[in-house]
Each structure stands twice: as structure tokens, then as C-alpha cells.
Amino acid sequence: MNADPYYPYSEYLKKKYGKKVYKLPIKLDITCPNRDGHAGIGGCIFCNEKGGSFENLSEKYSITQQLEKNREYIKKRYKAECFIAYFQNFSNTYMPLDAFKKFMLEAAKADVVAIQISTRPDCIHREHLDYLQKISDTYKVDIVFELGVQTVNNRTLKILNRGHSLSDTINAIIKIKKYGFEVCTHMILGLPWDDMEDVIEGAKILSLLETDQVKIHSLYIPKNTELGSMYKRQEFELNTLEQYKEEVKMFLRFLDPNIAIQRIVGRMPEEDSLFCNWDTSWWKIRDDIVKEMQDENISQGDLYNYKEGILCI
């Protein structure tokens, strides 16, 4: 039986590869369609100029250089045996196809077991999927899309200036799964404009779409963002830490127990943030959630009873 009341990503990797696997983050000089006018202007209100990557090497290094430098550090520190090439910042399928092909090919190294690609639900194109299929077949690497879903509430998506809708998310996951690739969905809990119904519905939709992994983020507020300006103007009221814990627990309870959980709380450097995790260590929040679930005798998927619908008797 798991020590955790949810299915941890580390166990998923161990079961899949039988070895100690770690991600090697890769940063590119790219952007997003809701920054350059195609889907919006200014980007997501919570995204600063780093595009969601706070600990990466500079994009001035080639992909090979980034992989080698990160591999050397991680292999020494964590005794990792194989790696995932993780394209982390901004929207990595929002670039010219020739550049995309070059980068994916460069990442398919001998000890890379998977290529993980961060992008948006409205940036999933057949040409990229077809090429990734060739890469996967030729180099025997798994392909995983990390999709920034964030919420299933369309009104909240507009406030966040995401530039896509729930239907885009559904369409993206269906397209990706048709190729046999995996999907990791990013969700922000603790959003002031969402309620518990949105949290539960998010877990249900991701489960029914058969997403493979979920990464749960707490809402943090980076400096030099529109969200930061809204926070300073007191345009919204932050959820409490207790509210966040309750949302995480309920989200997990309605989530398919076969979906691996990469994390249940996000984090960012203190020097880059106006607010992050109620001035509490991320690991303490994580441990508190785990203990509360154990004490309450609840677990991931214990309310996953809706897939087959209501039985008529």
C-alpha cells in the first residue's frame, strides 16, 4: 500500500522504467500566442518574462549543452540512471515547424527515455504530432505533453487572460491521446474566481479524458505581472491555506486513482514573488495535506464513481 494517499509520480516512473528517472529542464527563446496578439496581448496575468521557468539554465546554451550540464548535476546529486528531456518554458509547439523538428531531434539522446513538452491546449497541431510520432518510433522515446489547463471555468480563463477555452483543452487531449502520447495537465487550485464545484468538475473532466498525470499548483503571485498589479490594488481576495488544502483533497478524491500526481503544491523563488504559499514551506503544506487525508481516511479516487453514469434499477 502507498505511504501517500495518492498515486505519486515517483512511483509511476519507477513502475514504468524500473530505474531512477529525473527531468532535465530545457529553456528556449520562444513565446506564446497570447503574448504576440494571435490569442491575446500581454500573456497570462500570472506569467512573468521567465515564462514559468525559474531554475533553468539560460536559453543561450544549446539544447545539447543544457542537457549535458543538467545531466552532470542531477546524476551526481540524485544517482539518476536515465532522464526526461523537459521543454519547460512558454509554449513549445508555438514555433516554426523546422525549428521544432530540430529541437526535438537534438533532445532524443541515448539516455533520454522521454521528451516532455510544455504547451497550451490551442497549440496542438497535426504536423507536430506526426513528427513526434516519428521521433518516438525511431528513437524509442516516450512523448508527454504538459498542458497548461489551469481551470475548467471559462470565466476564470478569461480573467487569467489564457486566450483559450475548456473546449480547446478537451480537443487537445483527444488529439494527443489518438497518437498514443501521454498528457500531464497543469491545474491551479486556490483561484479566487473558482469554487469547489469548479475544482470537482476539473477532476472529473481530466479523469474522463484519461489524462495520465496531473501537476497541481497553488496560486502564487510573481512580481512584474498583471496579477501582481491586481493584488496590489486589492482587486481580489486570496483563498486561505485551509481552503487550498480542502480544494486539493477534494480534487484528488474525484480524480481517477490511476492518474499519477506530479505535485500537489507549487513553489517559486521568494525574490521573484509577491505572494507564495502563505509564507509556508511547500513541503510542509504537502505533508499537512497527506496527514489530513490519512487522518480522515480519504484517498485519491475514493469518489471516482461517476464514469459509468447512474445505474437505473
Protein backbone atom coordinates (compact mmCIF):
# COMPACT_ATOMS: atom_id res chain seq x y z
CA MET A 1 0.00 0.00 0.00
CA ASN A 2 1.23 3.50 -0.81
CA ALA A 3 2.53 5.66 2.00
CA ASP A 4 0.85 8.55 0.21
CA PRO A 5 -2.95 8.71 -0.11
CA TYR A 6 -2.46 9.50 -3.79
CA TYR A 7 -0.53 7.98 -6.71
CA PRO A 8 2.87 9.74 -6.67
CA TYR A 9 4.75 10.49 -9.87
CA SER A 10 7.90 8.88 -8.49
CA GLU A 11 6.10 5.55 -8.18
CA TYR A 12 4.70 5.92 -11.68
CA LEU A 13 8.22 6.46 -13.10
CA LYS A 14 9.65 3.54 -11.16
CA LYS A 15 6.88 1.25 -12.37
CA LYS A 16 7.24 2.41 -15.99
CA TYR A 17 11.03 2.46 -16.35
CA GLY A 18 12.32 0.34 -13.47
CA LYS A 19 15.09 2.89 -12.86
CA LYS A 20 15.63 6.20 -11.14
CA VAL A 21 14.46 8.83 -13.63
CA TYR A 22 14.87 12.61 -13.42
CA LYS A 23 13.87 15.52 -15.63
CA LEU A 24 16.43 17.64 -17.42
CA PRO A 25 14.84 21.09 -17.94
CA ILE A 26 15.38 22.85 -21.27
CA LYS A 27 14.75 26.54 -21.89
CA LEU A 28 14.17 28.02 -25.36
CA ASP A 29 13.93 31.57 -26.66
CA ILE A 30 10.23 31.35 -27.55
CA THR A 31 6.90 32.95 -26.69
CA CYS A 32 3.14 32.27 -26.56
CA PRO A 33 0.20 33.20 -28.82
CA ASN A 34 -1.45 35.24 -26.09
CA ARG A 35 1.62 37.46 -25.92
CA ASP A 36 2.06 38.36 -29.57
CA GLY A 37 -1.58 39.03 -30.48
CA HIS A 38 -2.65 35.72 -32.03
CA ALA A 39 -4.71 34.75 -28.99
CA GLY A 40 -4.22 37.83 -26.82
CA ILE A 41 -1.83 40.52 -25.66
CA GLY A 42 0.32 40.59 -22.54
CA GLY A 43 0.26 36.87 -21.74
CA CYS A 44 -1.39 35.15 -18.79
CA ILE A 45 -1.80 37.52 -15.86
CA PHE A 46 0.30 35.22 -13.64
CA CYS A 47 3.19 34.77 -16.08
CA ASN A 48 6.30 36.92 -16.00
CA GLU A 49 9.12 37.19 -18.51
CA LYS A 50 10.60 33.85 -17.40
CA GLY A 51 7.58 32.02 -18.80
CA GLY A 52 7.20 29.58 -15.93
CA SER A 53 10.85 28.55 -15.68
CA PHE A 54 12.64 29.82 -12.58
CA GLU A 55 15.54 27.39 -12.22
CA ASN A 56 16.56 26.69 -15.80
CA LEU A 57 19.87 27.39 -17.47
CA SER A 58 20.00 30.25 -19.95
CA GLU A 59 18.40 29.73 -23.35
CA LYS A 60 21.73 30.93 -24.76
CA TYR A 61 23.04 27.41 -24.23
CA SER A 62 22.22 24.86 -26.93
CA ILE A 63 19.87 22.02 -26.06
CA THR A 64 22.81 19.62 -26.01
CA GLN A 65 24.70 21.91 -23.61
CA GLN A 66 21.67 22.28 -21.33
CA LEU A 67 21.13 18.52 -21.27
CA GLU A 68 24.79 17.81 -20.54
CA LYS A 69 25.11 20.41 -17.78
CA ASN A 70 21.87 19.38 -16.07
CA ARG A 71 22.62 15.68 -16.52
CA GLU A 72 26.01 16.04 -14.85
CA TYR A 73 24.50 17.82 -11.84
CA ILE A 74 21.45 15.59 -11.41
CA LYS A 75 23.31 12.34 -11.99
CA LYS A 76 25.83 13.23 -9.32
CA ARG A 77 23.31 14.51 -6.78
CA TYR A 78 20.44 12.03 -7.25
CA LYS A 79 22.18 8.98 -8.77
CA ALA A 80 19.78 9.11 -11.71
CA GLU A 81 20.12 6.38 -14.33
CA CYS A 82 18.02 7.82 -17.15
CA PHE A 83 16.38 11.11 -17.98
CA ILE A 84 13.42 13.02 -19.37
CA ALA A 85 14.20 15.96 -21.67
CA TYR A 86 11.76 18.60 -20.42
CA PHE A 87 10.97 21.60 -22.63
CA GLN A 88 9.63 23.78 -19.85
CA ASN A 89 9.10 27.47 -20.62
CA PHE A 90 6.30 29.13 -22.60
CA SER A 91 4.57 27.24 -25.47
CA ASN A 92 6.96 24.80 -27.11
CA THR A 93 4.71 23.88 -30.02
CA TYR A 94 4.31 27.57 -30.91
CA MET A 95 7.31 27.93 -33.15
CA PRO A 96 8.17 27.28 -36.82
CA LEU A 97 7.91 23.57 -37.59
CA ASP A 98 11.51 23.34 -38.84
CA ALA A 99 12.81 24.73 -35.54
CA PHE A 100 10.55 22.39 -33.58
CA LYS A 101 11.89 19.38 -35.50
CA LYS A 102 15.49 20.44 -34.91
CA PHE A 103 14.98 20.83 -31.15
CA MET A 104 13.11 17.54 -30.72
CA LEU A 105 15.76 15.65 -32.67
CA GLU A 106 18.53 17.17 -30.57
CA ALA A 107 16.76 16.07 -27.38
CA ALA A 108 16.42 12.41 -28.39
CA LYS A 109 19.66 11.23 -26.75
CA ALA A 110 20.64 7.70 -25.79
CA ASP A 111 19.80 8.00 -22.09
CA VAL A 112 16.63 10.08 -22.64
CA VAL A 113 13.60 7.84 -22.11
CA ALA A 114 11.01 10.55 -22.75
CA ILE A 115 10.57 14.02 -24.19
CA GLN A 116 8.21 16.21 -22.19
CA ILE A 117 6.78 19.28 -23.93
CA SER A 118 5.08 22.20 -22.18
CA THR A 119 2.49 23.97 -24.27
CA ARG A 120 -1.08 25.30 -24.45
CA PRO A 121 -4.30 23.50 -25.43
CA ASP A 122 -4.73 25.73 -28.50
CA CYS A 123 -1.23 24.93 -29.84
CA ILE A 124 -1.61 21.24 -30.68
CA HIS A 125 -1.11 20.71 -34.41
CA ARG A 126 -1.16 17.59 -36.57
CA GLU A 127 2.25 18.43 -38.10
CA HIS A 128 3.92 18.47 -34.67
CA LEU A 129 2.16 15.28 -33.62
CA ASP A 130 3.17 13.48 -36.83
CA TYR A 131 6.82 14.41 -36.37
CA LEU A 132 6.80 13.41 -32.71
CA GLN A 133 5.42 10.05 -33.77
CA LYS A 134 8.49 9.60 -35.99
CA ILE A 135 10.81 10.63 -33.18
CA SER A 136 9.12 8.23 -30.77
CA ASP A 137 9.26 5.31 -33.21
CA THR A 138 12.83 5.96 -34.37
CA TYR A 139 14.49 6.68 -31.01
CA LYS A 140 12.15 4.65 -28.77
CA VAL A 141 11.33 7.59 -26.52
CA ASP A 142 8.01 8.36 -24.90
CA ILE A 143 6.27 11.63 -25.69
CA VAL A 144 4.49 13.54 -22.93
CA PHE A 145 2.61 16.81 -23.37
CA GLU A 146 2.39 19.11 -20.36
CA LEU A 147 -0.76 21.15 -20.98
CA GLY A 148 -1.46 24.37 -19.11
CA VAL A 149 -5.16 23.84 -18.41
CA GLN A 150 -5.25 25.76 -15.09
CA THR A 151 -9.06 25.68 -14.67
CA VAL A 152 -12.17 24.36 -16.42
CA ASN A 153 -14.11 27.56 -15.65
CA ASN A 154 -14.28 29.62 -18.86
CA ARG A 155 -14.98 32.83 -16.95
CA THR A 156 -11.85 32.34 -14.87
CA LEU A 157 -9.85 31.53 -18.01
CA LYS A 158 -10.85 34.94 -19.37
CA ILE A 159 -9.78 36.70 -16.17
CA LEU A 160 -6.44 34.88 -16.36
CA ASN A 161 -6.12 36.04 -19.99
CA ARG A 162 -5.40 32.49 -21.07
CA GLY A 163 -6.73 33.01 -24.59
CA HIS A 164 -8.20 29.51 -24.79
CA SER A 165 -11.35 27.80 -23.53
CA LEU A 166 -12.33 24.49 -21.99
CA SER A 167 -13.31 23.17 -25.42
CA ASP A 168 -9.71 23.77 -26.56
CA THR A 169 -8.48 21.64 -23.67
CA ILE A 170 -10.87 18.81 -24.50
CA ASN A 171 -9.91 18.94 -28.17
CA ALA A 172 -6.18 18.98 -27.39
CA ILE A 173 -6.25 15.98 -25.08
CA ILE A 174 -8.37 13.95 -27.52
CA LYS A 175 -5.92 14.71 -30.37
CA ILE A 176 -2.84 13.86 -28.29
CA LYS A 177 -4.29 10.61 -26.97
CA LYS A 178 -5.13 9.45 -30.51
CA TYR A 179 -1.37 9.30 -31.14
CA GLY A 180 -0.81 7.26 -28.00
CA PHE A 181 1.15 10.06 -26.33
CA GLU A 182 0.77 10.88 -22.65
CA VAL A 183 -0.75 14.03 -21.18
CA CYS A 184 0.16 15.83 -17.97
CA THR A 185 -2.33 18.57 -17.14
CA HIS A 186 -1.40 21.59 -15.03
CA MET A 187 -4.14 22.83 -12.71
CA ILE A 188 -4.13 25.87 -10.42
CA LEU A 189 -6.14 25.41 -7.25
CA GLY A 190 -6.91 28.24 -4.88
CA LEU A 191 -8.03 30.55 -7.66
CA PRO A 192 -10.19 33.34 -6.16
CA TRP A 193 -12.66 33.11 -9.07
CA ASP A 194 -13.24 29.35 -8.81
CA ASP A 195 -15.28 27.50 -6.21
CA MET A 196 -15.39 23.88 -5.07
CA GLU A 197 -17.73 22.96 -7.91
CA ASP A 198 -15.10 24.05 -10.41
CA VAL A 199 -12.47 22.02 -8.57
CA ILE A 200 -14.59 18.87 -8.63
CA GLU A 201 -15.62 19.36 -12.25
CA GLY A 202 -11.97 19.79 -13.20
CA ALA A 203 -11.07 16.45 -11.61
CA LYS A 204 -13.99 14.77 -13.39
CA ILE A 205 -13.18 16.19 -16.83
CA LEU A 206 -9.49 15.27 -16.62
CA SER A 207 -10.40 11.77 -15.45
CA LEU A 208 -12.93 11.18 -18.22
CA LEU A 209 -10.44 12.45 -20.81
CA GLU A 210 -7.97 9.87 -19.42
CA THR A 211 -5.14 12.28 -18.76
CA ASP A 212 -2.10 10.39 -17.48
CA GLN A 213 -0.58 12.81 -14.99
CA VAL A 214 -1.60 15.95 -13.12
CA LYS A 215 0.53 18.73 -11.71
CA ILE A 216 -1.32 20.81 -9.10
CA HIS A 217 -0.15 24.37 -8.50
CA SER A 218 -1.09 26.67 -5.67
CA LEU A 219 -1.72 30.23 -6.83
CA TYR A 220 1.46 32.24 -6.39
CA ILE A 221 1.88 35.83 -7.49
CA PRO A 222 5.08 36.69 -9.38
CA LYS A 223 6.46 40.20 -9.41
CA ASN A 224 6.10 42.29 -12.57
CA THR A 225 2.86 40.64 -13.66
CA GLU A 226 -0.69 41.86 -14.18
CA LEU A 227 -1.78 39.52 -11.38
CA GLY A 228 0.74 41.27 -9.14
CA SER A 229 -0.75 44.66 -10.04
CA MET A 230 -4.26 43.35 -9.32
CA TYR A 231 -3.02 42.00 -5.99
CA LYS A 232 -1.55 45.37 -5.03
CA ARG A 233 -4.82 47.09 -5.98
CA GLN A 234 -6.69 44.55 -3.82
CA GLU A 235 -8.95 43.54 -6.69
CA PHE A 236 -9.43 40.01 -5.34
CA GLU A 237 -9.24 38.16 -2.07
CA LEU A 238 -6.83 35.26 -1.79
CA ASN A 239 -8.02 31.91 -0.54
CA THR A 240 -6.72 30.82 2.84
CA LEU A 241 -4.27 27.98 3.24
CA GLU A 242 -7.05 25.86 4.77
CA GLN A 243 -9.25 26.50 1.73
CA TYR A 244 -6.41 25.42 -0.53
CA LYS A 245 -5.89 22.19 1.40
CA GLU A 246 -9.61 21.38 1.18
CA GLU A 247 -9.61 22.01 -2.58
CA VAL A 248 -6.61 19.73 -3.10
CA LYS A 249 -8.17 16.95 -1.05
CA MET A 250 -11.49 17.17 -2.90
CA PHE A 251 -9.79 17.35 -6.30
CA LEU A 252 -7.82 14.19 -5.51
CA ARG A 253 -10.87 12.35 -4.22
CA PHE A 254 -12.73 12.83 -7.51
CA LEU A 255 -9.66 12.08 -9.65
CA ASP A 256 -9.14 8.70 -11.31
CA PRO A 257 -6.76 6.80 -8.97
CA ASN A 258 -4.66 5.69 -11.97
CA ILE A 259 -3.60 9.27 -12.75
CA ALA A 260 -0.10 10.00 -11.44
CA ILE A 261 0.34 13.15 -9.35
CA GLN A 262 3.50 15.12 -10.11
CA ARG A 263 2.92 17.59 -7.28
CA ILE A 264 0.16 18.91 -5.02
CA VAL A 265 1.61 22.35 -4.34
CA GLY A 266 3.68 24.73 -6.47
CA ARG A 267 6.56 26.95 -5.48
CA MET A 268 8.70 29.77 -6.78
CA PRO A 269 11.75 31.72 -5.55
CA GLU A 270 10.93 34.21 -2.81
CA GLU A 271 12.81 37.00 -4.57
CA ASP A 272 10.53 36.66 -7.61
CA SER A 273 7.20 36.64 -5.76
CA LEU A 274 4.76 38.97 -4.04
CA PHE A 275 2.90 36.01 -2.53
CA CYS A 276 3.70 32.32 -2.42
CA ASN A 277 2.22 29.57 -0.27
CA TRP A 278 1.13 31.72 2.67
CA ASP A 279 4.79 32.07 3.77
CA THR A 280 4.82 28.35 4.44
CA SER A 281 7.28 25.80 3.06
CA TRP A 282 5.83 23.83 0.16
CA TRP A 283 6.87 20.54 1.73
CA LYS A 284 5.03 21.38 4.97
CA ILE A 285 1.83 22.10 3.03
CA ARG A 286 2.30 18.84 1.17
CA ASP A 287 2.90 16.88 4.39
CA ASP A 288 -0.10 18.51 6.08
CA ILE A 289 -2.39 17.51 3.19
CA VAL A 290 -1.10 13.93 3.28
CA LYS A 291 -1.59 13.68 7.06
CA GLU A 292 -5.09 15.15 6.89
CA MET A 293 -6.09 12.68 4.19
CA GLN A 294 -4.70 9.81 6.22
CA ASP A 295 -6.44 11.01 9.39
CA GLU A 296 -9.73 11.46 7.53
CA ASN A 297 -9.33 8.06 5.84
CA ILE A 298 -9.73 9.53 2.34
CA SER A 299 -7.62 8.96 -0.77
CA GLN A 300 -7.28 9.72 -4.45
CA GLY A 301 -10.21 8.30 -6.37
CA ASP A 302 -12.41 7.32 -3.43
CA LEU A 303 -15.19 9.40 -5.05
CA TYR A 304 -14.37 8.25 -8.57
CA ASN A 305 -17.74 6.60 -9.08
CA TYR A 306 -19.22 8.69 -11.87
CA LYS A 307 -17.66 7.25 -15.05
CA GLU A 308 -20.40 4.75 -15.86
CA GLY A 309 -23.25 7.13 -15.03
CA ILE A 310 -26.27 6.48 -12.81
CA LEU A 311 -27.47 2.90 -12.73
CA CYS A 312 -31.21 2.55 -13.38
CA ILE A 313 -32.85 -0.17 -11.27
